[in-house]
Amino acid sequence: MDFSSVHNIHESAVFEAVSLAAPRYPVVAASPDLLADVACVALNRVSPRYIRHDVDLAFFLTERERAENERAINEAVDHAFNFVQARHAMAARR
C-alpha cells in the first residue's frame, strides 16, 4: 500500500504563511528549528483535512471555505509565532 499521496490540505498554506510572517518575528525567524516549531503549533491549531491530490480542493471547497481556511491559518500562525517566541524567551532566561 502506498499512502504517500495523502496529505493535510493546510500544510503548504501554513508553510507559506509562516514564511511570509517570519520577518515580523526576527528572533524566531533566525532559527530554522524554531520556524519548524511555529509550523507545527499552527498546524495543530487548524482542523486537519486530508486529500490525495491538490486538484481535489477545486472541487470540494467553496469560496467561503477557502476564505475561512485562510483566516484560520493566519490566526494560527500569529498565535504560533507568539507562543514559540514566548517559550524561547523563557528558555533563554534559565
N, C-alpha and C. Protein backbone atom coordinates (compact mmCIF):
# COMPACT_ATOMS: atom_id res chain seq x y z
N MET A 1 0.84 -1.19 0.00
CA MET A 1 0.00 0.00 0.00
C MET A 1 0.88 1.25 0.00
N ASP A 2 0.47 2.23 -0.76
CA ASP A 2 1.21 3.48 -0.85
C ASP A 2 0.31 4.64 -0.43
N PHE A 3 0.62 5.22 0.70
CA PHE A 3 -0.16 6.35 1.22
C PHE A 3 0.59 7.67 1.07
N SER A 4 1.65 7.68 0.29
CA SER A 4 2.50 8.87 0.19
C SER A 4 1.77 10.07 -0.43
N SER A 5 0.69 9.85 -1.14
CA SER A 5 -0.04 10.98 -1.74
C SER A 5 -1.02 11.63 -0.77
N VAL A 6 -1.25 11.03 0.38
CA VAL A 6 -2.19 11.56 1.37
C VAL A 6 -1.50 12.68 2.16
N HIS A 7 -2.15 13.84 2.21
CA HIS A 7 -1.58 14.95 2.99
C HIS A 7 -2.68 15.90 3.46
N ASN A 8 -2.33 16.67 4.46
CA ASN A 8 -3.22 17.67 5.04
C ASN A 8 -3.24 18.88 4.11
N ILE A 9 -4.42 19.34 3.74
CA ILE A 9 -4.51 20.46 2.80
C ILE A 9 -3.91 21.74 3.36
N HIS A 10 -3.77 21.84 4.66
CA HIS A 10 -3.28 23.07 5.27
C HIS A 10 -1.76 23.18 5.31
N GLU A 11 -1.05 22.09 5.05
CA GLU A 11 0.40 22.11 5.21
C GLU A 11 1.07 23.19 4.36
N SER A 12 0.85 23.18 3.08
CA SER A 12 1.55 24.15 2.24
C SER A 12 1.10 25.58 2.53
N ALA A 13 -0.17 25.78 2.84
CA ALA A 13 -0.66 27.12 3.18
C ALA A 13 -0.04 27.62 4.48
N VAL A 14 0.10 26.74 5.46
CA VAL A 14 0.73 27.13 6.73
C VAL A 14 2.21 27.43 6.50
N PHE A 15 2.90 26.59 5.73
CA PHE A 15 4.32 26.83 5.47
C PHE A 15 4.52 28.18 4.78
N GLU A 16 3.65 28.50 3.83
CA GLU A 16 3.74 29.79 3.15
C GLU A 16 3.45 30.94 4.11
N ALA A 17 2.42 30.80 4.95
CA ALA A 17 2.07 31.85 5.91
C ALA A 17 3.20 32.06 6.92
N VAL A 18 3.85 31.00 7.35
CA VAL A 18 4.99 31.11 8.26
C VAL A 18 6.12 31.89 7.57
N SER A 19 6.39 31.55 6.34
CA SER A 19 7.45 32.24 5.59
C SER A 19 7.15 33.73 5.43
N LEU A 20 5.90 34.05 5.14
CA LEU A 20 5.51 35.45 4.96
C LEU A 20 5.53 36.23 6.28
N ALA A 21 5.18 35.59 7.38
CA ALA A 21 5.13 36.27 8.68
C ALA A 21 6.50 36.34 9.36
N ALA A 22 7.42 35.50 8.97
CA ALA A 22 8.72 35.40 9.65
C ALA A 22 9.44 36.74 9.83
N PRO A 23 9.44 37.62 8.84
CA PRO A 23 10.15 38.89 9.05
C PRO A 23 9.63 39.73 10.22
N ARG A 24 8.40 39.51 10.62
CA ARG A 24 7.84 40.25 11.77
C ARG A 24 8.32 39.67 13.10
N TYR A 25 8.98 38.52 13.06
CA TYR A 25 9.45 37.84 14.27
C TYR A 25 10.92 37.47 14.09
N PRO A 26 11.82 38.45 14.08
CA PRO A 26 13.22 38.18 13.74
C PRO A 26 13.93 37.19 14.68
N VAL A 27 13.58 37.17 15.94
CA VAL A 27 14.22 36.24 16.87
C VAL A 27 13.89 34.80 16.48
N VAL A 28 12.65 34.53 16.19
CA VAL A 28 12.22 33.19 15.80
C VAL A 28 12.71 32.87 14.39
N ALA A 29 12.62 33.84 13.50
CA ALA A 29 12.98 33.62 12.10
C ALA A 29 14.46 33.28 11.93
N ALA A 30 15.27 33.63 12.90
CA ALA A 30 16.71 33.36 12.80
C ALA A 30 17.03 31.87 12.97
N SER A 31 16.07 31.09 13.41
CA SER A 31 16.31 29.67 13.67
C SER A 31 15.38 28.78 12.85
N PRO A 32 15.93 27.96 11.96
CA PRO A 32 15.08 27.03 11.20
C PRO A 32 14.31 26.08 12.12
N ASP A 33 14.91 25.69 13.24
CA ASP A 33 14.21 24.80 14.17
C ASP A 33 13.00 25.49 14.79
N LEU A 34 13.14 26.76 15.14
CA LEU A 34 12.00 27.48 15.71
C LEU A 34 10.92 27.71 14.67
N LEU A 35 11.30 27.95 13.42
CA LEU A 35 10.30 28.10 12.36
C LEU A 35 9.52 26.80 12.15
N ALA A 36 10.21 25.69 12.25
CA ALA A 36 9.53 24.39 12.14
C ALA A 36 8.57 24.21 13.32
N ASP A 37 8.99 24.66 14.51
CA ASP A 37 8.10 24.59 15.68
C ASP A 37 6.86 25.44 15.45
N VAL A 38 7.04 26.62 14.89
CA VAL A 38 5.90 27.51 14.59
C VAL A 38 4.93 26.80 13.65
N ALA A 39 5.46 26.17 12.61
CA ALA A 39 4.59 25.46 11.67
C ALA A 39 3.82 24.35 12.36
N CYS A 40 4.49 23.61 13.25
CA CYS A 40 3.81 22.53 13.97
C CYS A 40 2.70 23.07 14.87
N VAL A 41 2.99 24.13 15.62
CA VAL A 41 1.98 24.71 16.51
C VAL A 41 0.80 25.21 15.69
N ALA A 42 1.08 25.89 14.60
CA ALA A 42 0.00 26.41 13.75
C ALA A 42 -0.84 25.28 13.17
N LEU A 43 -0.19 24.25 12.65
CA LEU A 43 -0.95 23.12 12.08
C LEU A 43 -1.81 22.43 13.12
N ASN A 44 -1.35 22.39 14.35
CA ASN A 44 -2.14 21.76 15.41
C ASN A 44 -3.35 22.61 15.82
N ARG A 45 -3.38 23.87 15.41
CA ARG A 45 -4.50 24.75 15.75
C ARG A 45 -5.58 24.80 14.68
N VAL A 46 -5.31 24.27 13.50
CA VAL A 46 -6.34 24.25 12.45
C VAL A 46 -6.83 22.82 12.28
N SER A 47 -8.10 22.69 11.94
CA SER A 47 -8.67 21.36 11.75
C SER A 47 -8.02 20.68 10.55
N PRO A 48 -7.56 19.46 10.74
CA PRO A 48 -6.93 18.77 9.61
C PRO A 48 -7.97 18.34 8.58
N ARG A 49 -7.59 18.44 7.33
CA ARG A 49 -8.40 17.94 6.22
C ARG A 49 -7.44 17.28 5.26
N TYR A 50 -7.68 16.04 5.01
CA TYR A 50 -6.75 15.26 4.19
C TYR A 50 -7.32 14.99 2.81
N ILE A 51 -6.41 15.06 1.84
CA ILE A 51 -6.74 14.76 0.46
C ILE A 51 -5.59 13.96 -0.15
N ARG A 52 -5.82 13.45 -1.34
CA ARG A 52 -4.75 12.76 -2.05
C ARG A 52 -4.14 13.65 -3.12
N HIS A 53 -4.95 14.49 -3.75
CA HIS A 53 -4.47 15.32 -4.85
C HIS A 53 -4.94 16.75 -4.63
N ASP A 54 -4.04 17.71 -4.82
CA ASP A 54 -4.39 19.11 -4.60
C ASP A 54 -5.53 19.57 -5.50
N VAL A 55 -5.67 18.97 -6.66
CA VAL A 55 -6.75 19.35 -7.56
C VAL A 55 -8.12 19.09 -6.91
N ASP A 56 -8.17 18.18 -5.95
CA ASP A 56 -9.42 17.89 -5.24
C ASP A 56 -9.98 19.14 -4.55
N LEU A 57 -9.11 20.05 -4.17
CA LEU A 57 -9.56 21.28 -3.50
C LEU A 57 -10.48 22.10 -4.38
N ALA A 58 -10.20 22.13 -5.64
CA ALA A 58 -11.02 22.92 -6.56
C ALA A 58 -12.45 22.42 -6.60
N PHE A 59 -12.65 21.16 -6.35
CA PHE A 59 -13.98 20.58 -6.43
C PHE A 59 -14.72 20.55 -5.10
N PHE A 60 -14.00 20.53 -4.00
CA PHE A 60 -14.64 20.30 -2.71
C PHE A 60 -14.72 21.51 -1.79
N LEU A 61 -13.98 22.59 -2.07
CA LEU A 61 -14.03 23.76 -1.22
C LEU A 61 -14.78 24.90 -1.91
N THR A 62 -15.69 25.52 -1.17
CA THR A 62 -16.37 26.70 -1.69
C THR A 62 -15.48 27.92 -1.43
N GLU A 63 -15.82 29.04 -2.03
CA GLU A 63 -15.07 30.28 -1.79
C GLU A 63 -15.12 30.65 -0.31
N ARG A 64 -16.26 30.44 0.30
CA ARG A 64 -16.40 30.75 1.72
C ARG A 64 -15.46 29.88 2.56
N GLU A 65 -15.39 28.59 2.23
CA GLU A 65 -14.49 27.70 2.96
C GLU A 65 -13.03 28.09 2.74
N ARG A 66 -12.69 28.49 1.53
CA ARG A 66 -11.31 28.93 1.26
C ARG A 66 -10.97 30.16 2.10
N ALA A 67 -11.89 31.12 2.15
CA ALA A 67 -11.66 32.34 2.93
C ALA A 67 -11.55 32.01 4.42
N GLU A 68 -12.39 31.13 4.91
CA GLU A 68 -12.34 30.73 6.32
C GLU A 68 -11.03 30.01 6.63
N ASN A 69 -10.59 29.14 5.72
CA ASN A 69 -9.31 28.45 5.91
C ASN A 69 -8.17 29.44 5.99
N GLU A 70 -8.17 30.43 5.10
CA GLU A 70 -7.11 31.44 5.09
C GLU A 70 -7.10 32.22 6.40
N ARG A 71 -8.28 32.63 6.86
CA ARG A 71 -8.37 33.36 8.12
C ARG A 71 -7.87 32.51 9.28
N ALA A 72 -8.31 31.26 9.35
CA ALA A 72 -7.90 30.37 10.43
C ALA A 72 -6.40 30.12 10.41
N ILE A 73 -5.84 29.97 9.23
CA ILE A 73 -4.40 29.74 9.11
C ILE A 73 -3.62 30.96 9.57
N ASN A 74 -4.04 32.14 9.14
CA ASN A 74 -3.34 33.36 9.56
C ASN A 74 -3.40 33.55 11.07
N GLU A 75 -4.55 33.29 11.68
CA GLU A 75 -4.68 33.39 13.13
C GLU A 75 -3.80 32.35 13.82
N ALA A 76 -3.79 31.13 13.30
CA ALA A 76 -2.99 30.06 13.89
C ALA A 76 -1.50 30.37 13.80
N VAL A 77 -1.08 30.93 12.68
CA VAL A 77 0.34 31.26 12.51
C VAL A 77 0.74 32.40 13.45
N ASP A 78 -0.08 33.42 13.57
CA ASP A 78 0.22 34.51 14.50
C ASP A 78 0.32 33.98 15.93
N HIS A 79 -0.63 33.15 16.32
CA HIS A 79 -0.59 32.55 17.66
C HIS A 79 0.68 31.73 17.84
N ALA A 80 1.02 30.93 16.83
CA ALA A 80 2.17 30.05 16.92
C ALA A 80 3.47 30.84 17.06
N PHE A 81 3.62 31.91 16.31
CA PHE A 81 4.82 32.74 16.45
C PHE A 81 4.92 33.31 17.86
N ASN A 82 3.82 33.84 18.37
CA ASN A 82 3.83 34.39 19.73
C ASN A 82 4.13 33.32 20.77
N PHE A 83 3.56 32.15 20.60
CA PHE A 83 3.77 31.05 21.53
C PHE A 83 5.24 30.61 21.52
N VAL A 84 5.77 30.36 20.34
CA VAL A 84 7.16 29.88 20.23
C VAL A 84 8.12 30.96 20.70
N GLN A 85 7.85 32.20 20.37
CA GLN A 85 8.70 33.30 20.81
C GLN A 85 8.72 33.39 22.33
N ALA A 86 7.56 33.28 22.96
CA ALA A 86 7.48 33.33 24.42
C ALA A 86 8.21 32.16 25.06
N ARG A 87 8.03 30.96 24.52
CA ARG A 87 8.71 29.78 25.06
C ARG A 87 10.22 29.91 24.91
N HIS A 88 10.67 30.44 23.78
CA HIS A 88 12.08 30.63 23.53
C HIS A 88 12.67 31.64 24.52
N ALA A 89 11.93 32.72 24.77
CA ALA A 89 12.39 33.73 25.73
C ALA A 89 12.47 33.14 27.14
N MET A 90 11.49 32.32 27.52
CA MET A 90 11.51 31.69 28.85
C MET A 90 12.70 30.75 28.97
N ALA A 91 12.98 29.98 27.94
CA ALA A 91 14.10 29.04 27.96
C ALA A 91 15.43 29.77 28.04
N ALA A 92 15.52 30.94 27.42
CA ALA A 92 16.77 31.71 27.43
C ALA A 92 17.05 32.28 28.81
N ARG A 93 16.02 32.45 29.62
CA ARG A 93 16.20 33.01 30.97
C ARG A 93 16.72 31.99 31.96
N ARG A 94 16.64 30.72 31.61
CA ARG A 94 17.05 29.67 32.55
C ARG A 94 18.53 29.53 32.62
